[in-house]
């Protein structure tokens, strides 16, 4: 009887898997190298490397980082028109992103602010239309998530003035109502009582990948690229503090966010939604990106 898969075929598949993994690691290394070139003011070299990376396949979080650093380099080189197009691509892919005050110059922050102020109203209306279409299709979980994103984006400082007047002020009212309806409709019914069965033998699960933290001396902590919270609404002058814990993966993206010290129930929800869009330069151990658990101390003051 002939074997189902020949040794030669199996060897080709294994070789393809190894080469694919090597390519992903090489792309991660190139992105880190491009960031370092930008940090050392080698803008032309950084831009050339980022343009090459842009032509290859990448996870969404890496594509955002590539476009962000392309915009930084183009602005530094005085190519304002090309930089504006790169910023538009960043905002379209990740509307909540804007550069950290600690990482870029005021000129770069202003360029991002101008593009975001121009694009965010249309993006918010598009996201609302998508969430409403999901609601009409009775895809209530997707609709609830979409309306939540609309409400979070409406609190963004770059669009807060527009959010106070139509049409965005009307969308806020509608999104609040539809989010509540979607969340209730998406909630599953209580499960029936489970039958009593004999417990199966305990199988030891394989250990999960290690998540480093600040107390690990061998790890270089992550650096924030985007770590912005929405404004806190309440009586003027009130200040609240809390703590938020995020897990940052090897690409610098946030994979989970948990409020470990609450501000308020309403603010916790939008703060967690914003934290899931944060972006970092990942933590490393011996130069290799690793997962990292970070606790962020939050202090917010009411703006109105």
C-alpha atoms as a PDB file:
ATOM      1  CA  UNK A   1       0.000   0.000   0.000  1.00  0.00           C
ATOM      2  CA  UNK A   2       1.477   3.391  -1.050  1.00  0.00           C
ATOM      3  CA  UNK A   3       1.817   6.067   1.684  1.00  0.00           C
ATOM      4  CA  UNK A   4      -0.679   8.931   1.499  1.00  0.00           C
ATOM      5  CA  UNK A   5       2.054  11.615   1.550  1.00  0.00           C
ATOM      6  CA  UNK A   6       5.534  11.048   0.172  1.00  0.00           C
ATOM      7  CA  UNK A   7       8.656  11.955   2.214  1.00  0.00           C
ATOM      8  CA  UNK A   8       9.631  14.463  -0.492  1.00  0.00           C
ATOM      9  CA  UNK A   9       6.260  16.257  -0.255  1.00  0.00           C
ATOM     10  CA  UNK A  10       6.434  16.391   3.552  1.00  0.00           C
ATOM     11  CA  UNK A  11       9.976  17.760   3.353  1.00  0.00           C
ATOM     12  CA  UNK A  12       8.855  20.541   0.994  1.00  0.00           C
ATOM     13  CA  UNK A  13       6.025  21.549   3.349  1.00  0.00           C
ATOM     14  CA  UNK A  14       8.363  21.667   6.359  1.00  0.00           C
ATOM     15  CA  UNK A  15      10.892  23.715   4.406  1.00  0.00           C
ATOM     16  CA  UNK A  16       8.156  26.199   3.434  1.00  0.00           C
ATOM     17  CA  UNK A  17       7.084  26.592   7.072  1.00  0.00           C
ATOM     18  CA  UNK A  18      10.672  27.223   8.195  1.00  0.00           C
ATOM     19  CA  UNK A  19      11.281  29.784   5.431  1.00  0.00           C
ATOM     20  CA  UNK A  20       8.001  31.591   6.211  1.00  0.00           C
ATOM     21  CA  UNK A  21       8.903  31.877   9.896  1.00  0.00           C
ATOM     22  CA  UNK A  22      12.348  33.177   8.991  1.00  0.00           C
ATOM     23  CA  UNK A  23      10.807  35.806   6.686  1.00  0.00           C
ATOM     24  CA  UNK A  24       8.486  37.075   9.454  1.00  0.00           C
ATOM     25  CA  UNK A  25      11.424  37.380  11.871  1.00  0.00           C
ATOM     26  CA  UNK A  26      13.443  39.232   9.242  1.00  0.00           C
ATOM     27  CA  UNK A  27      10.567  41.705   8.661  1.00  0.00           C
ATOM     28  CA  UNK A  28      10.310  42.378  12.409  1.00  0.00           C
ATOM     29  CA  UNK A  29      14.049  43.033  12.518  1.00  0.00           C
ATOM     30  CA  UNK A  30      13.856  45.382   9.506  1.00  0.00           C
ATOM     31  CA  UNK A  31      11.057  47.399  11.114  1.00  0.00           C
ATOM     32  CA  UNK A  32      13.101  47.790  14.291  1.00  0.00           C
ATOM     33  CA  UNK A  33      16.098  48.844  12.201  1.00  0.00           C
ATOM     34  CA  UNK A  34      13.981  51.453  10.377  1.00  0.00           C
ATOM     35  CA  UNK A  35      12.783  52.847  13.703  1.00  0.00           C
ATOM     36  CA  UNK A  36      16.381  53.110  14.891  1.00  0.00           C
ATOM     37  CA  UNK A  37      17.401  54.903  11.680  1.00  0.00           C
ATOM     38  CA  UNK A  38      14.585  57.410  12.195  1.00  0.00           C
ATOM     39  CA  UNK A  39      15.622  57.931  15.815  1.00  0.00           C
ATOM     40  CA  UNK A  40      19.209  58.655  14.660  1.00  0.00           C
ATOM     41  CA  UNK A  41      17.918  61.223  12.067  1.00  0.00           C
ATOM     42  CA  UNK A  42      18.911  59.016   9.079  1.00  0.00           C
ATOM     43  CA  UNK A  43      15.576  59.867   7.450  1.00  0.00           C
ATOM     44  CA  UNK A  44      16.430  58.962   3.830  1.00  0.00           C
ATOM     45  CA  UNK A  45      17.766  55.528   4.832  1.00  0.00           C
ATOM     46  CA  UNK A  46      14.802  54.899   7.136  1.00  0.00           C
ATOM     47  CA  UNK A  47      12.319  55.887   4.408  1.00  0.00           C
ATOM     48  CA  UNK A  48      13.972  53.588   1.843  1.00  0.00           C
ATOM     49  CA  UNK A  49      13.765  50.638   4.234  1.00  0.00           C
ATOM     50  CA  UNK A  50      10.134  51.437   5.142  1.00  0.00           C
ATOM     51  CA  UNK A  51       9.155  51.652   1.446  1.00  0.00           C
ATOM     52  CA  UNK A  52      10.606  48.165   0.911  1.00  0.00           C
ATOM     53  CA  UNK A  53       8.754  46.830   3.943  1.00  0.00           C
ATOM     54  CA  UNK A  54       5.537  48.467   2.724  1.00  0.00           C
ATOM     55  CA  UNK A  55       5.600  46.283  -0.402  1.00  0.00           C
ATOM     56  CA  UNK A  56       5.614  43.025   1.617  1.00  0.00           C
ATOM     57  CA  UNK A  57       2.843  41.265   3.548  1.00  0.00           C
ATOM     58  CA  UNK A  58       2.582  42.242   7.225  1.00  0.00           C
ATOM     59  CA  UNK A  59       0.132  41.967  10.132  1.00  0.00           C
ATOM     60  CA  UNK A  60      -2.178  44.980  10.464  1.00  0.00           C
ATOM     61  CA  UNK A  61      -0.329  46.313  13.539  1.00  0.00           C
ATOM     62  CA  UNK A  62       2.988  46.299  11.650  1.00  0.00           C
ATOM     63  CA  UNK A  63       1.448  47.998   8.606  1.00  0.00           C
ATOM     64  CA  UNK A  64       0.251  50.803  10.873  1.00  0.00           C
ATOM     65  CA  UNK A  65       3.750  51.208  12.321  1.00  0.00           C
ATOM     66  CA  UNK A  66       5.310  51.242   8.831  1.00  0.00           C
ATOM     67  CA  UNK A  67       2.956  53.990   7.616  1.00  0.00           C
ATOM     68  CA  UNK A  68       3.431  55.988  10.826  1.00  0.00           C
ATOM     69  CA  UNK A  69       7.213  56.038  10.482  1.00  0.00           C
ATOM     70  CA  UNK A  70       6.951  56.785   6.750  1.00  0.00           C
ATOM     71  CA  UNK A  71       4.937  59.881   7.661  1.00  0.00           C
ATOM     72  CA  UNK A  72       7.519  60.882  10.300  1.00  0.00           C
ATOM     73  CA  UNK A  73      10.375  60.536   7.792  1.00  0.00           C
ATOM     74  CA  UNK A  74       8.542  62.410   5.004  1.00  0.00           C
ATOM     75  CA  UNK A  75       7.780  65.309   7.338  1.00  0.00           C
ATOM     76  CA  UNK A  76      11.392  65.404   8.507  1.00  0.00           C
ATOM     77  CA  UNK A  77      12.517  65.538   4.847  1.00  0.00           C
ATOM     78  CA  UNK A  78      10.125  68.410   4.081  1.00  0.00           C
ATOM     79  CA  UNK A  79       7.944  66.340   1.713  1.00  0.00           C
ATOM     80  CA  UNK A  80       4.674  67.706   3.113  1.00  0.00           C
ATOM     81  CA  UNK A  81       2.374  66.494   0.316  1.00  0.00           C
ATOM     82  CA  UNK A  82       3.658  62.904   0.466  1.00  0.00           C
ATOM     83  CA  UNK A  83       3.601  63.036   4.261  1.00  0.00           C
ATOM     84  CA  UNK A  84      -0.064  64.083   4.245  1.00  0.00           C
ATOM     85  CA  UNK A  85      -0.963  61.055   2.109  1.00  0.00           C
ATOM     86  CA  UNK A  86       0.936  58.758   4.491  1.00  0.00           C
ATOM     87  CA  UNK A  87      -0.857  60.318   7.476  1.00  0.00           C
ATOM     88  CA  UNK A  88      -4.206  59.822   5.723  1.00  0.00           C
ATOM     89  CA  UNK A  89      -3.380  56.123   5.321  1.00  0.00           C
ATOM     90  CA  UNK A  90      -2.531  55.893   9.035  1.00  0.00           C
ATOM     91  CA  UNK A  91      -5.740  57.639  10.132  1.00  0.00           C
ATOM     92  CA  UNK A  92      -7.883  55.558   7.764  1.00  0.00           C
ATOM     93  CA  UNK A  93      -6.366  52.328   9.160  1.00  0.00           C
ATOM     94  CA  UNK A  94      -6.345  53.401  12.835  1.00  0.00           C
ATOM     95  CA  UNK A  95      -8.518  56.496  13.535  1.00  0.00           C
ATOM     96  CA  UNK A  96      -7.596  56.550  17.243  1.00  0.00           C
ATOM     97  CA  UNK A  97      -3.854  56.891  16.589  1.00  0.00           C
ATOM     98  CA  UNK A  98      -1.948  60.121  17.021  1.00  0.00           C
ATOM     99  CA  UNK A  99       1.742  60.495  17.917  1.00  0.00           C
ATOM    100  CA  UNK A 100       2.887  60.649  21.516  1.00  0.00           C
ATOM    101  CA  UNK A 101       4.062  64.041  22.765  1.00  0.00           C
ATOM    102  CA  UNK A 102       7.261  62.399  23.992  1.00  0.00           C
ATOM    103  CA  UNK A 103       8.219  60.763  20.677  1.00  0.00           C
ATOM    104  CA  UNK A 104       7.790  63.400  17.965  1.00  0.00           C
ATOM    105  CA  UNK A 105       8.159  67.135  17.419  1.00  0.00           C
ATOM    106  CA  UNK A 106       5.290  69.653  17.679  1.00  0.00           C
ATOM    107  CA  UNK A 107       5.423  70.018  13.865  1.00  0.00           C
ATOM    108  CA  UNK A 108       4.709  66.280  13.404  1.00  0.00           C
ATOM    109  CA  UNK A 109       1.921  66.348  15.985  1.00  0.00           C
ATOM    110  CA  UNK A 110       0.351  69.371  14.258  1.00  0.00           C
ATOM    111  CA  UNK A 111       0.441  67.624  10.866  1.00  0.00           C
ATOM    112  CA  UNK A 112      -1.357  64.584  12.311  1.00  0.00           C
ATOM    113  CA  UNK A 113      -3.866  66.812  14.130  1.00  0.00           C
ATOM    114  CA  UNK A 114      -4.810  68.703  10.955  1.00  0.00           C
ATOM    115  CA  UNK A 115      -5.388  65.481   8.991  1.00  0.00           C
ATOM    116  CA  UNK A 116      -7.340  63.868  11.836  1.00  0.00           C
ATOM    117  CA  UNK A 117      -9.603  66.917  12.236  1.00  0.00           C
ATOM    118  CA  UNK A 118     -10.384  66.752   8.532  1.00  0.00           C
ATOM    119  CA  UNK A 119     -10.947  62.972   8.336  1.00  0.00           C
ATOM    120  CA  UNK A 120     -12.488  61.945  11.654  1.00  0.00           C
ATOM    121  CA  UNK A 121     -16.026  63.350  11.120  1.00  0.00           C
ATOM    122  CA  UNK A 122     -16.426  61.319   7.906  1.00  0.00           C
ATOM    123  CA  UNK A 123     -14.868  58.228   9.526  1.00  0.00           C
ATOM    124  CA  UNK A 124     -17.276  58.478  12.476  1.00  0.00           C
ATOM    125  CA  UNK A 125     -20.278  58.706  10.152  1.00  0.00           C
ATOM    126  CA  UNK A 126     -18.982  55.725   8.156  1.00  0.00           C
ATOM    127  CA  UNK A 127     -18.489  53.642  11.312  1.00  0.00           C
ATOM    128  CA  UNK A 128     -21.988  54.545  12.484  1.00  0.00           C
ATOM    129  CA  UNK A 129     -23.462  53.476   9.119  1.00  0.00           C
ATOM    130  CA  UNK A 130     -21.584  50.154   9.309  1.00  0.00           C
ATOM    131  CA  UNK A 131     -22.777  49.536  12.888  1.00  0.00           C
ATOM    132  CA  UNK A 132     -26.375  50.388  11.941  1.00  0.00           C
ATOM    133  CA  UNK A 133     -26.200  48.016   8.962  1.00  0.00           C
ATOM    134  CA  UNK A 134     -24.990  45.247  11.288  1.00  0.00           C
ATOM    135  CA  UNK A 135     -27.866  46.038  13.668  1.00  0.00           C
ATOM    136  CA  UNK A 136     -30.377  45.810  10.795  1.00  0.00           C
ATOM    137  CA  UNK A 137     -28.898  42.403   9.864  1.00  0.00           C
ATOM    138  CA  UNK A 138     -29.394  41.357  13.513  1.00  0.00           C
ATOM    139  CA  UNK A 139     -25.616  40.935  13.967  1.00  0.00           C
ATOM    140  CA  UNK A 140     -25.957  42.449  17.415  1.00  0.00           C
ATOM    141  CA  UNK A 141     -22.494  41.697  18.810  1.00  0.00           C
ATOM    142  CA  UNK A 142     -20.806  43.369  15.832  1.00  0.00           C
ATOM    143  CA  UNK A 143     -23.257  46.263  16.043  1.00  0.00           C
ATOM    144  CA  UNK A 144     -22.576  46.822  19.754  1.00  0.00           C
ATOM    145  CA  UNK A 145     -18.826  46.897  19.098  1.00  0.00           C
ATOM    146  CA  UNK A 146     -19.310  49.314  16.184  1.00  0.00           C
ATOM    147  CA  UNK A 147     -21.469  51.742  18.167  1.00  0.00           C
ATOM    148  CA  UNK A 148     -18.948  51.588  21.025  1.00  0.00           C
ATOM    149  CA  UNK A 149     -16.171  52.587  18.603  1.00  0.00           C
ATOM    150  CA  UNK A 150     -18.301  55.513  17.394  1.00  0.00           C
ATOM    151  CA  UNK A 151     -18.789  56.755  20.976  1.00  0.00           C
ATOM    152  CA  UNK A 152     -15.089  56.393  21.791  1.00  0.00           C
ATOM    153  CA  UNK A 153     -14.029  58.273  18.653  1.00  0.00           C
ATOM    154  CA  UNK A 154     -16.479  61.072  19.435  1.00  0.00           C
ATOM    155  CA  UNK A 155     -14.494  61.770  22.627  1.00  0.00           C
ATOM    156  CA  UNK A 156     -11.249  62.256  20.684  1.00  0.00           C
ATOM    157  CA  UNK A 157      -9.761  65.742  21.387  1.00  0.00           C
ATOM    158  CA  UNK A 158      -9.299  66.412  17.651  1.00  0.00           C
ATOM    159  CA  UNK A 159     -13.012  66.023  16.930  1.00  0.00           C
ATOM    160  CA  UNK A 160     -14.607  67.097  20.226  1.00  0.00           C
ATOM    161  CA  UNK A 161     -15.649  70.518  18.854  1.00  0.00           C
ATOM    162  CA  UNK A 162     -17.439  68.950  15.875  1.00  0.00           C
ATOM    163  CA  UNK A 163     -18.979  66.341  18.177  1.00  0.00           C
ATOM    164  CA  UNK A 164     -20.906  69.085  20.006  1.00  0.00           C
ATOM    165  CA  UNK A 165     -22.937  70.071  16.926  1.00  0.00           C
ATOM    166  CA  UNK A 166     -24.901  68.277  14.169  1.00  0.00           C
ATOM    167  CA  UNK A 167     -24.543  65.909  12.507  1.00  0.00           C
ATOM    168  CA  UNK A 168     -22.130  64.310  15.014  1.00  0.00           C
ATOM    169  CA  UNK A 169     -24.104  65.369  18.087  1.00  0.00           C
ATOM    170  CA  UNK A 170     -27.159  63.603  16.617  1.00  0.00           C
ATOM    171  CA  UNK A 171     -25.080  60.499  15.896  1.00  0.00           C
ATOM    172  CA  UNK A 172     -23.918  60.432  19.527  1.00  0.00           C
ATOM    173  CA  UNK A 173     -27.523  60.291  20.762  1.00  0.00           C
ATOM    174  CA  UNK A 174     -28.425  57.557  18.275  1.00  0.00           C
ATOM    175  CA  UNK A 175     -25.250  55.544  18.966  1.00  0.00           C
ATOM    176  CA  UNK A 176     -25.901  55.529  22.726  1.00  0.00           C
ATOM    177  CA  UNK A 177     -29.393  54.117  22.223  1.00  0.00           C
ATOM    178  CA  UNK A 178     -28.415  51.567  19.594  1.00  0.00           C
ATOM    179  CA  UNK A 179     -25.425  50.394  21.638  1.00  0.00           C
ATOM    180  CA  UNK A 180     -27.693  49.591  24.589  1.00  0.00           C
ATOM    181  CA  UNK A 181     -30.187  47.791  22.365  1.00  0.00           C
ATOM    182  CA  UNK A 182     -27.415  45.827  20.603  1.00  0.00           C
ATOM    183  CA  UNK A 183     -25.764  44.798  23.861  1.00  0.00           C
ATOM    184  CA  UNK A 184     -29.059  43.521  25.276  1.00  0.00           C
ATOM    185  CA  UNK A 185     -29.922  41.650  22.078  1.00  0.00           C
ATOM    186  CA  UNK A 186     -26.440  40.120  21.857  1.00  0.00           C
ATOM    187  CA  UNK A 187     -26.507  38.775  25.418  1.00  0.00           C
ATOM    188  CA  UNK A 188     -26.913  34.988  25.268  1.00  0.00           C
ATOM    189  CA  UNK A 189     -29.791  33.335  27.160  1.00  0.00           C
ATOM    190  CA  UNK A 190     -28.873  31.611  30.395  1.00  0.00           C
ATOM    191  CA  UNK A 191     -27.563  28.110  29.723  1.00  0.00           C
ATOM    192  CA  UNK A 192     -29.605  25.085  30.790  1.00  0.00           C
ATOM    193  CA  UNK A 193     -28.473  23.236  33.895  1.00  0.00           C
ATOM    194  CA  UNK A 194     -25.473  21.105  33.080  1.00  0.00           C
ATOM    195  CA  UNK A 195     -25.937  17.351  33.498  1.00  0.00           C
ATOM    196  CA  UNK A 196     -23.977  15.718  36.273  1.00  0.00           C
ATOM    197  CA  UNK A 197     -21.168  13.744  34.728  1.00  0.00           C
ATOM    198  CA  UNK A 198     -18.025  12.203  36.036  1.00  0.00           C
ATOM    199  CA  UNK A 199     -15.079  14.526  35.660  1.00  0.00           C
ATOM    200  CA  UNK A 200     -12.573  13.383  33.033  1.00  0.00           C
ATOM    201  CA  UNK A 201      -8.959  12.789  33.967  1.00  0.00           C
ATOM    202  CA  UNK A 202      -6.984  15.998  34.395  1.00  0.00           C
ATOM    203  CA  UNK A 203      -4.732  16.624  31.411  1.00  0.00           C
ATOM    204  CA  UNK A 204      -1.778  18.884  32.073  1.00  0.00           C
ATOM    205  CA  UNK A 205      -1.931  21.806  29.645  1.00  0.00           C
ATOM    206  CA  UNK A 206       1.280  22.974  27.981  1.00  0.00           C
ATOM    207  CA  UNK A 207       2.787  26.097  29.543  1.00  0.00           C
ATOM    208  CA  UNK A 208       1.654  29.408  28.044  1.00  0.00           C
ATOM    209  CA  UNK A 209       4.238  31.711  26.429  1.00  0.00           C
ATOM    210  CA  UNK A 210       5.957  33.789  29.079  1.00  0.00           C
ATOM    211  CA  UNK A 211       4.722  37.333  29.678  1.00  0.00           C
ATOM    212  CA  UNK A 212       7.412  39.572  31.121  1.00  0.00           C
ATOM    213  CA  UNK A 213       6.851  42.422  33.558  1.00  0.00           C
ATOM    214  CA  UNK A 214       8.740  45.332  35.068  1.00  0.00           C
ATOM    215  CA  UNK A 215      10.374  43.245  37.784  1.00  0.00           C
ATOM    216  CA  UNK A 216      12.183  41.071  35.200  1.00  0.00           C
ATOM    217  CA  UNK A 217      15.709  42.493  35.063  1.00  0.00           C
ATOM    218  CA  UNK A 218      16.546  40.834  31.742  1.00  0.00           C
ATOM    219  CA  UNK A 219      13.806  42.632  29.779  1.00  0.00           C
ATOM    220  CA  UNK A 220      13.989  46.041  28.081  1.00  0.00           C
ATOM    221  CA  UNK A 221      10.505  47.521  28.671  1.00  0.00           C
ATOM    222  CA  UNK A 222       8.309  48.665  25.752  1.00  0.00           C
ATOM    223  CA  UNK A 223       8.298  52.295  24.609  1.00  0.00           C
ATOM    224  CA  UNK A 224       4.980  54.038  23.981  1.00  0.00           C
ATOM    225  CA  UNK A 225       4.277  55.143  20.414  1.00  0.00           C
ATOM    226  CA  UNK A 226       0.581  55.827  21.023  1.00  0.00           C
ATOM    227  CA  UNK A 227      -0.818  55.815  24.588  1.00  0.00           C
ATOM    228  CA  UNK A 228      -3.649  58.349  24.708  1.00  0.00           C
ATOM    229  CA  UNK A 229      -6.783  58.309  26.870  1.00  0.00           C
ATOM    230  CA  UNK A 230     -10.130  60.004  26.096  1.00  0.00           C
ATOM    231  CA  UNK A 231     -11.102  63.118  28.118  1.00  0.00           C
ATOM    232  CA  UNK A 232     -12.950  62.635  31.404  1.00  0.00           C
ATOM    233  CA  UNK A 233     -16.409  64.222  31.512  1.00  0.00           C
ATOM    234  CA  UNK A 234     -17.810  65.456  34.803  1.00  0.00           C
ATOM    235  CA  UNK A 235     -18.121  68.513  37.076  1.00  0.00           C
ATOM    236  CA  UNK A 236     -15.201  70.871  36.399  1.00  0.00           C
ATOM    237  CA  UNK A 237     -12.204  70.443  38.697  1.00  0.00           C
ATOM    238  CA  UNK A 238     -12.878  66.830  39.758  1.00  0.00           C
ATOM    239  CA  UNK A 239      -9.793  64.595  39.545  1.00  0.00           C
ATOM    240  CA  UNK A 240      -9.893  60.781  39.558  1.00  0.00           C
ATOM    241  CA  UNK A 241      -7.105  58.208  39.625  1.00  0.00           C
ATOM    242  CA  UNK A 242      -7.001  54.564  38.611  1.00  0.00           C
ATOM    243  CA  UNK A 243      -4.847  51.826  37.153  1.00  0.00           C
ATOM    244  CA  UNK A 244      -5.071  50.005  33.815  1.00  0.00           C
ATOM    245  CA  UNK A 245      -3.153  46.843  32.903  1.00  0.00           C
ATOM    246  CA  UNK A 246      -2.294  45.985  29.292  1.00  0.00           C
ATOM    247  CA  UNK A 247      -0.501  43.043  27.677  1.00  0.00           C
ATOM    248  CA  UNK A 248       1.718  44.100  24.755  1.00  0.00           C
ATOM    249  CA  UNK A 249       2.678  41.449  22.189  1.00  0.00           C
ATOM    250  CA  UNK A 250       5.880  41.001  20.184  1.00  0.00           C
ATOM    251  CA  UNK A 251       4.707  43.448  17.484  1.00  0.00           C
ATOM    252  CA  UNK A 252       3.948  46.244  19.953  1.00  0.00           C
ATOM    253  CA  UNK A 253       0.153  45.852  19.758  1.00  0.00           C
ATOM    254  CA  UNK A 254      -2.106  45.581  22.841  1.00  0.00           C
ATOM    255  CA  UNK A 255      -3.709  42.138  23.056  1.00  0.00           C
ATOM    256  CA  UNK A 256      -5.663  42.681  26.277  1.00  0.00           C
ATOM    257  CA  UNK A 257      -6.605  45.549  28.587  1.00  0.00           C
ATOM    258  CA  UNK A 258      -8.048  45.312  32.115  1.00  0.00           C
ATOM    259  CA  UNK A 259      -9.005  48.100  34.533  1.00  0.00           C
ATOM    260  CA  UNK A 260      -7.538  47.044  37.898  1.00  0.00           C
ATOM    261  CA  UNK A 261      -8.396  50.265  39.735  1.00  0.00           C
ATOM    262  CA  UNK A 262     -11.646  51.833  38.468  1.00  0.00           C
ATOM    263  CA  UNK A 263     -12.216  55.518  37.623  1.00  0.00           C
ATOM    264  CA  UNK A 264     -15.973  55.278  36.937  1.00  0.00           C
ATOM    265  CA  UNK A 265     -17.966  52.550  35.234  1.00  0.00           C
ATOM    266  CA  UNK A 266     -18.658  54.710  32.178  1.00  0.00           C
ATOM    267  CA  UNK A 267     -15.109  56.031  31.848  1.00  0.00           C
ATOM    268  CA  UNK A 268     -13.590  52.572  32.401  1.00  0.00           C
ATOM    269  CA  UNK A 269     -15.416  51.284  29.310  1.00  0.00           C
ATOM    270  CA  UNK A 270     -14.149  53.969  26.921  1.00  0.00           C
ATOM    271  CA  UNK A 271     -10.663  53.947  28.483  1.00  0.00           C
ATOM    272  CA  UNK A 272     -10.354  50.194  27.861  1.00  0.00           C
ATOM    273  CA  UNK A 273     -11.576  50.613  24.288  1.00  0.00           C
ATOM    274  CA  UNK A 274      -8.938  53.314  23.719  1.00  0.00           C
ATOM    275  CA  UNK A 275      -6.191  51.220  25.379  1.00  0.00           C
ATOM    276  CA  UNK A 276      -6.744  48.333  22.951  1.00  0.00           C
ATOM    277  CA  UNK A 277      -5.623  50.666  20.143  1.00  0.00           C
ATOM    278  CA  UNK A 278      -2.384  51.742  21.868  1.00  0.00           C
ATOM    279  CA  UNK A 279       0.877  50.982  20.070  1.00  0.00           C
ATOM    280  CA  UNK A 280       4.370  50.426  21.468  1.00  0.00           C
ATOM    281  CA  UNK A 281       7.877  49.625  20.445  1.00  0.00           C
ATOM    282  CA  UNK A 282       7.854  46.070  21.879  1.00  0.00           C
ATOM    283  CA  UNK A 283       9.774  44.897  24.917  1.00  0.00           C
ATOM    284  CA  UNK A 284      12.882  42.841  24.185  1.00  0.00           C
ATOM    285  CA  UNK A 285      15.088  40.247  25.852  1.00  0.00           C
ATOM    286  CA  UNK A 286      18.547  39.979  24.308  1.00  0.00           C
ATOM    287  CA  UNK A 287      17.227  41.921  21.318  1.00  0.00           C
ATOM    288  CA  UNK A 288      14.269  39.543  20.720  1.00  0.00           C
ATOM    289  CA  UNK A 289      10.708  41.008  21.018  1.00  0.00           C
ATOM    290  CA  UNK A 290       8.656  39.471  23.865  1.00  0.00           C
ATOM    291  CA  UNK A 291       5.234  39.835  25.445  1.00  0.00           C
ATOM    292  CA  UNK A 292       5.072  42.332  28.317  1.00  0.00           C
ATOM    293  CA  UNK A 293       2.518  43.170  31.026  1.00  0.00           C
ATOM    294  CA  UNK A 294       2.422  46.922  31.749  1.00  0.00           C
ATOM    295  CA  UNK A 295       0.482  48.749  34.462  1.00  0.00           C
ATOM    296  CA  UNK A 296      -0.469  52.330  33.547  1.00  0.00           C
ATOM    297  CA  UNK A 297      -1.296  54.784  36.324  1.00  0.00           C
ATOM    298  CA  UNK A 298      -4.231  56.998  35.216  1.00  0.00           C
ATOM    299  CA  UNK A 299      -4.990  60.472  36.545  1.00  0.00           C
ATOM    300  CA  UNK A 300      -7.854  62.307  34.817  1.00  0.00           C
ATOM    301  CA  UNK A 301      -9.386  65.713  35.475  1.00  0.00           C
ATOM    302  CA  UNK A 302     -12.895  66.592  34.406  1.00  0.00           C
ATOM    303  CA  UNK A 303     -13.009  68.977  31.441  1.00  0.00           C
ATOM    304  CA  UNK A 304     -16.657  69.931  31.606  1.00  0.00           C
END
